Amino acid sequence: MRSTFIALAVALCATTADTAASAAPQAAPDPTAAPDCVHLTVDWRYTFASNDCSSTYTLRVVYLDGTEVPCRTAAPGALITFPGRGTQGNDVLGAVLCDSEGGV
């Protein structure tokens, strides 16, 4: 009887956890984030952004220390270059879309 109770309790906990996880609100996607078809390759010296999308995008790379870099336009199939993470280990956080005036 005890093993039956434990099995039912485990099953109830699993069902409750699944329901809670599916009911949790999902974070809204970042409207400024570059689409998934823009891929970054980061090295200490350069960050390469490849546009594997079917549309042209103007984007820039975001750095952990807030380093500002200009926006660049990437046509479909283009590979554009930004500064890398450097020798001090500044992380590249990702690519963001720029507005038509070059800002974010």
N, C-alpha and C. Protein backbone atom coordinates (compact mmCIF):
# COMPACT_ATOMS: atom_id res chain seq x y z
N MET A 1 0.83 -1.19 0.00
CA MET A 1 0.00 0.00 0.00
C MET A 1 0.87 1.25 0.00
N ARG A 2 1.95 1.21 0.78
CA ARG A 2 2.82 2.37 0.83
C ARG A 2 3.44 2.64 -0.54
N SER A 3 3.87 1.60 -1.27
CA SER A 3 4.48 1.78 -2.58
C SER A 3 3.47 2.34 -3.57
N THR A 4 2.20 1.95 -3.43
CA THR A 4 1.16 2.50 -4.30
C THR A 4 0.98 3.98 -4.03
N PHE A 5 0.98 4.36 -2.76
CA PHE A 5 0.84 5.77 -2.39
C PHE A 5 2.01 6.60 -2.94
N ILE A 6 3.20 6.08 -2.82
CA ILE A 6 4.39 6.79 -3.31
C ILE A 6 4.32 6.92 -4.83
N ALA A 7 3.94 5.88 -5.52
CA ALA A 7 3.83 5.93 -6.98
C ALA A 7 2.80 6.97 -7.41
N LEU A 8 1.67 7.02 -6.71
CA LEU A 8 0.64 8.01 -7.05
C LEU A 8 1.13 9.42 -6.75
N ALA A 9 1.84 9.62 -5.65
CA ALA A 9 2.36 10.93 -5.29
C ALA A 9 3.38 11.41 -6.31
N VAL A 10 4.24 10.52 -6.76
CA VAL A 10 5.25 10.87 -7.77
C VAL A 10 4.56 11.24 -9.08
N ALA A 11 3.56 10.46 -9.47
CA ALA A 11 2.82 10.75 -10.70
C ALA A 11 2.10 12.09 -10.60
N LEU A 12 1.51 12.40 -9.45
CA LEU A 12 0.82 13.67 -9.25
C LEU A 12 1.80 14.83 -9.31
N CYS A 13 2.97 14.68 -8.70
CA CYS A 13 3.98 15.74 -8.73
C CYS A 13 4.46 15.98 -10.15
N ALA A 14 4.67 14.92 -10.92
CA ALA A 14 5.13 15.07 -12.29
C ALA A 14 4.08 15.78 -13.14
N THR A 15 2.82 15.42 -12.97
CA THR A 15 1.74 16.06 -13.71
C THR A 15 1.62 17.52 -13.33
N THR A 16 1.73 17.84 -12.04
CA THR A 16 1.65 19.22 -11.58
C THR A 16 2.81 20.04 -12.12
N ALA A 17 4.01 19.47 -12.15
CA ALA A 17 5.18 20.18 -12.66
C ALA A 17 5.03 20.45 -14.15
N ASP A 18 4.53 19.44 -14.91
CA ASP A 18 4.33 19.64 -16.34
C ASP A 18 3.30 20.72 -16.61
N THR A 19 2.22 20.73 -15.84
CA THR A 19 1.17 21.73 -16.01
C THR A 19 1.69 23.11 -15.66
N ALA A 20 2.45 23.22 -14.59
CA ALA A 20 3.00 24.51 -14.18
C ALA A 20 3.99 25.03 -15.22
N ALA A 21 4.81 24.12 -15.77
CA ALA A 21 5.78 24.55 -16.77
C ALA A 21 5.09 25.03 -18.03
N SER A 22 4.03 24.34 -18.45
CA SER A 22 3.35 24.75 -19.67
C SER A 22 2.49 25.99 -19.44
N ALA A 23 2.08 26.25 -18.20
CA ALA A 23 1.27 27.42 -17.90
C ALA A 23 2.11 28.67 -17.65
N ALA A 24 3.42 28.49 -17.45
CA ALA A 24 4.29 29.65 -17.18
C ALA A 24 4.35 30.53 -18.41
N PRO A 25 4.28 31.84 -18.22
CA PRO A 25 4.32 32.73 -19.38
C PRO A 25 5.69 32.66 -20.06
N GLN A 26 5.67 32.69 -21.37
CA GLN A 26 6.89 32.66 -22.15
C GLN A 26 7.41 34.08 -22.31
N ALA A 27 8.71 34.25 -22.25
CA ALA A 27 9.29 35.58 -22.45
C ALA A 27 9.06 36.01 -23.89
N ALA A 28 8.71 37.26 -24.07
CA ALA A 28 8.50 37.79 -25.41
C ALA A 28 9.84 37.88 -26.13
N PRO A 29 9.86 37.57 -27.42
CA PRO A 29 11.13 37.68 -28.15
C PRO A 29 11.59 39.13 -28.21
N ASP A 30 12.88 39.33 -28.19
CA ASP A 30 13.46 40.67 -28.26
C ASP A 30 13.28 41.19 -29.68
N PRO A 31 12.55 42.30 -29.85
CA PRO A 31 12.28 42.81 -31.20
C PRO A 31 13.53 43.36 -31.88
N THR A 32 14.58 43.66 -31.13
CA THR A 32 15.80 44.19 -31.74
C THR A 32 16.82 43.10 -32.04
N ALA A 33 16.60 41.88 -31.56
CA ALA A 33 17.55 40.79 -31.81
C ALA A 33 17.57 40.44 -33.29
N ALA A 34 18.75 40.16 -33.79
CA ALA A 34 18.87 39.72 -35.17
C ALA A 34 18.16 38.37 -35.33
N PRO A 35 17.60 38.09 -36.49
CA PRO A 35 16.91 36.81 -36.68
C PRO A 35 17.87 35.62 -36.57
N ASP A 36 17.30 34.45 -36.36
CA ASP A 36 18.10 33.24 -36.18
C ASP A 36 18.97 32.88 -37.38
N CYS A 37 18.64 33.41 -38.55
CA CYS A 37 19.43 33.10 -39.75
C CYS A 37 20.68 33.97 -39.87
N VAL A 38 20.91 34.89 -38.91
CA VAL A 38 22.16 35.64 -38.82
C VAL A 38 23.04 34.91 -37.81
N HIS A 39 24.21 34.46 -38.24
CA HIS A 39 25.08 33.66 -37.39
C HIS A 39 26.37 34.40 -37.08
N LEU A 40 26.80 34.33 -35.83
CA LEU A 40 28.05 34.97 -35.40
C LEU A 40 29.13 33.92 -35.16
N THR A 41 30.33 34.27 -35.56
CA THR A 41 31.52 33.49 -35.24
C THR A 41 32.47 34.45 -34.54
N VAL A 42 32.78 34.17 -33.29
CA VAL A 42 33.54 35.11 -32.46
C VAL A 42 34.94 34.56 -32.19
N ASP A 43 35.92 35.42 -32.39
CA ASP A 43 37.31 35.11 -32.08
C ASP A 43 37.87 36.29 -31.29
N TRP A 44 39.10 36.22 -30.87
CA TRP A 44 39.66 37.32 -30.08
C TRP A 44 39.83 38.56 -30.94
N ARG A 45 40.10 38.38 -32.24
CA ARG A 45 40.38 39.53 -33.08
C ARG A 45 39.17 40.02 -33.87
N TYR A 46 38.36 39.11 -34.37
CA TYR A 46 37.21 39.47 -35.22
C TYR A 46 35.95 38.74 -34.78
N THR A 47 34.83 39.38 -35.07
CA THR A 47 33.53 38.72 -34.99
C THR A 47 32.94 38.76 -36.39
N PHE A 48 32.64 37.62 -36.94
CA PHE A 48 32.06 37.53 -38.27
C PHE A 48 30.57 37.29 -38.14
N ALA A 49 29.80 38.08 -38.87
CA ALA A 49 28.35 37.90 -38.92
C ALA A 49 27.98 37.48 -40.33
N SER A 50 27.41 36.30 -40.46
CA SER A 50 26.98 35.82 -41.78
C SER A 50 25.47 35.91 -41.87
N ASN A 51 25.00 36.50 -42.96
CA ASN A 51 23.57 36.64 -43.18
C ASN A 51 23.11 35.49 -44.07
N ASP A 52 22.55 34.47 -43.45
CA ASP A 52 22.04 33.32 -44.18
C ASP A 52 20.54 33.46 -44.43
N CYS A 53 20.04 34.69 -44.33
CA CYS A 53 18.62 34.99 -44.54
C CYS A 53 18.37 35.32 -46.01
N SER A 54 17.10 35.44 -46.36
CA SER A 54 16.74 35.84 -47.73
C SER A 54 16.51 37.35 -47.82
N SER A 55 16.69 38.07 -46.71
CA SER A 55 16.50 39.52 -46.67
C SER A 55 17.78 40.21 -46.24
N THR A 56 17.92 41.48 -46.62
CA THR A 56 19.04 42.30 -46.19
C THR A 56 18.74 42.86 -44.81
N TYR A 57 19.74 42.85 -43.92
CA TYR A 57 19.58 43.39 -42.58
C TYR A 57 20.72 44.35 -42.26
N THR A 58 20.40 45.39 -41.49
CA THR A 58 21.40 46.29 -40.95
C THR A 58 21.52 45.95 -39.48
N LEU A 59 22.72 45.61 -39.05
CA LEU A 59 22.90 45.12 -37.69
C LEU A 59 24.23 45.58 -37.11
N ARG A 60 24.35 45.36 -35.82
CA ARG A 60 25.61 45.60 -35.11
C ARG A 60 25.75 44.54 -34.03
N VAL A 61 26.95 44.42 -33.52
CA VAL A 61 27.25 43.44 -32.47
C VAL A 61 27.21 44.16 -31.13
N VAL A 62 26.71 43.48 -30.11
CA VAL A 62 26.62 44.02 -28.75
C VAL A 62 27.67 43.32 -27.89
N TYR A 63 28.42 44.13 -27.12
CA TYR A 63 29.50 43.63 -26.29
C TYR A 63 29.17 43.78 -24.81
N LEU A 64 29.71 42.90 -24.01
CA LEU A 64 29.47 42.90 -22.57
C LEU A 64 29.87 44.22 -21.93
N ASP A 65 30.99 44.80 -22.34
CA ASP A 65 31.45 46.04 -21.72
C ASP A 65 30.81 47.30 -22.31
N GLY A 66 29.86 47.14 -23.23
CA GLY A 66 29.16 48.29 -23.80
C GLY A 66 29.88 48.95 -24.95
N THR A 67 30.93 48.34 -25.46
CA THR A 67 31.64 48.89 -26.61
C THR A 67 30.65 49.19 -27.73
N GLU A 68 30.72 50.40 -28.27
CA GLU A 68 29.83 50.81 -29.36
C GLU A 68 30.52 50.58 -30.69
N VAL A 69 29.85 49.92 -31.61
CA VAL A 69 30.35 49.73 -32.96
C VAL A 69 29.28 50.20 -33.93
N PRO A 70 29.68 50.68 -35.10
CA PRO A 70 28.70 51.16 -36.07
C PRO A 70 27.88 50.02 -36.67
N CYS A 71 26.70 50.38 -37.11
CA CYS A 71 25.84 49.41 -37.79
C CYS A 71 26.39 49.15 -39.19
N ARG A 72 26.19 47.93 -39.66
CA ARG A 72 26.63 47.54 -40.99
C ARG A 72 25.50 46.79 -41.66
N THR A 73 25.44 46.93 -42.98
CA THR A 73 24.38 46.28 -43.76
C THR A 73 24.91 45.00 -44.37
N ALA A 74 24.12 43.93 -44.21
CA ALA A 74 24.50 42.61 -44.74
C ALA A 74 23.40 42.13 -45.69
N ALA A 75 23.76 42.01 -46.94
CA ALA A 75 22.86 41.45 -47.94
C ALA A 75 22.76 39.94 -47.73
N PRO A 76 21.77 39.28 -48.32
CA PRO A 76 21.69 37.82 -48.20
C PRO A 76 23.00 37.16 -48.67
N GLY A 77 23.52 36.26 -47.86
CA GLY A 77 24.74 35.55 -48.18
C GLY A 77 26.02 36.30 -47.81
N ALA A 78 25.90 37.53 -47.30
CA ALA A 78 27.08 38.33 -46.97
C ALA A 78 27.72 37.90 -45.66
N LEU A 79 29.01 38.18 -45.57
CA LEU A 79 29.78 37.97 -44.34
C LEU A 79 30.39 39.33 -44.00
N ILE A 80 30.02 39.88 -42.85
CA ILE A 80 30.55 41.18 -42.44
C ILE A 80 31.37 41.00 -41.17
N THR A 81 32.29 41.93 -40.94
CA THR A 81 33.26 41.80 -39.85
C THR A 81 33.09 42.92 -38.84
N PHE A 82 33.15 42.54 -37.58
CA PHE A 82 33.14 43.46 -36.44
C PHE A 82 34.36 43.13 -35.58
N PRO A 83 34.71 44.01 -34.63
CA PRO A 83 35.80 43.67 -33.71
C PRO A 83 35.46 42.40 -32.92
N GLY A 84 36.49 41.68 -32.54
CA GLY A 84 36.32 40.46 -31.74
C GLY A 84 36.22 40.78 -30.26
N ARG A 85 36.41 39.77 -29.44
CA ARG A 85 36.28 39.94 -27.99
C ARG A 85 37.52 40.56 -27.37
N GLY A 86 38.64 40.57 -28.09
CA GLY A 86 39.86 41.19 -27.59
C GLY A 86 40.63 40.29 -26.65
N THR A 87 41.78 40.78 -26.22
CA THR A 87 42.65 39.99 -25.35
C THR A 87 42.22 40.08 -23.89
N GLN A 88 41.30 40.98 -23.57
CA GLN A 88 40.84 41.14 -22.19
C GLN A 88 39.58 40.31 -21.91
N GLY A 89 39.12 39.54 -22.90
CA GLY A 89 37.99 38.65 -22.69
C GLY A 89 36.63 39.33 -22.71
N ASN A 90 36.48 40.45 -23.43
CA ASN A 90 35.18 41.10 -23.55
C ASN A 90 34.26 40.19 -24.36
N ASP A 91 33.15 39.79 -23.79
CA ASP A 91 32.25 38.85 -24.47
C ASP A 91 31.37 39.55 -25.49
N VAL A 92 31.09 38.84 -26.57
CA VAL A 92 30.12 39.27 -27.57
C VAL A 92 28.79 38.67 -27.14
N LEU A 93 27.79 39.53 -26.91
CA LEU A 93 26.49 39.06 -26.42
C LEU A 93 25.56 38.64 -27.55
N GLY A 94 25.76 39.18 -28.74
CA GLY A 94 24.91 38.83 -29.86
C GLY A 94 24.83 39.96 -30.86
N ALA A 95 23.96 39.78 -31.84
CA ALA A 95 23.74 40.80 -32.86
C ALA A 95 22.33 41.36 -32.71
N VAL A 96 22.22 42.67 -32.96
CA VAL A 96 20.91 43.33 -32.90
C VAL A 96 20.69 44.07 -34.20
N LEU A 97 19.41 44.26 -34.53
CA LEU A 97 19.04 45.02 -35.72
C LEU A 97 19.13 46.50 -35.43
N CYS A 98 19.53 47.26 -36.43
CA CYS A 98 19.58 48.72 -36.31
C CYS A 98 18.38 49.29 -37.05
N ASP A 99 17.96 50.47 -36.64
CA ASP A 99 16.90 51.13 -37.38
C ASP A 99 17.50 51.74 -38.65
N SER A 100 16.69 52.39 -39.45
CA SER A 100 17.14 52.91 -40.73
C SER A 100 18.15 54.05 -40.60
N GLU A 101 18.27 54.67 -39.42
CA GLU A 101 19.18 55.78 -39.23
C GLU A 101 20.51 55.33 -38.61
N GLY A 102 20.72 54.03 -38.47
CA GLY A 102 21.98 53.52 -37.96
C GLY A 102 22.00 53.28 -36.47
N GLY A 103 20.97 53.63 -35.75
CA GLY A 103 20.90 53.36 -34.31
C GLY A 103 20.12 52.09 -34.07
N VAL A 104 19.95 51.79 -32.79
CA VAL A 104 19.16 50.59 -32.46
C VAL A 104 17.76 51.01 -32.08
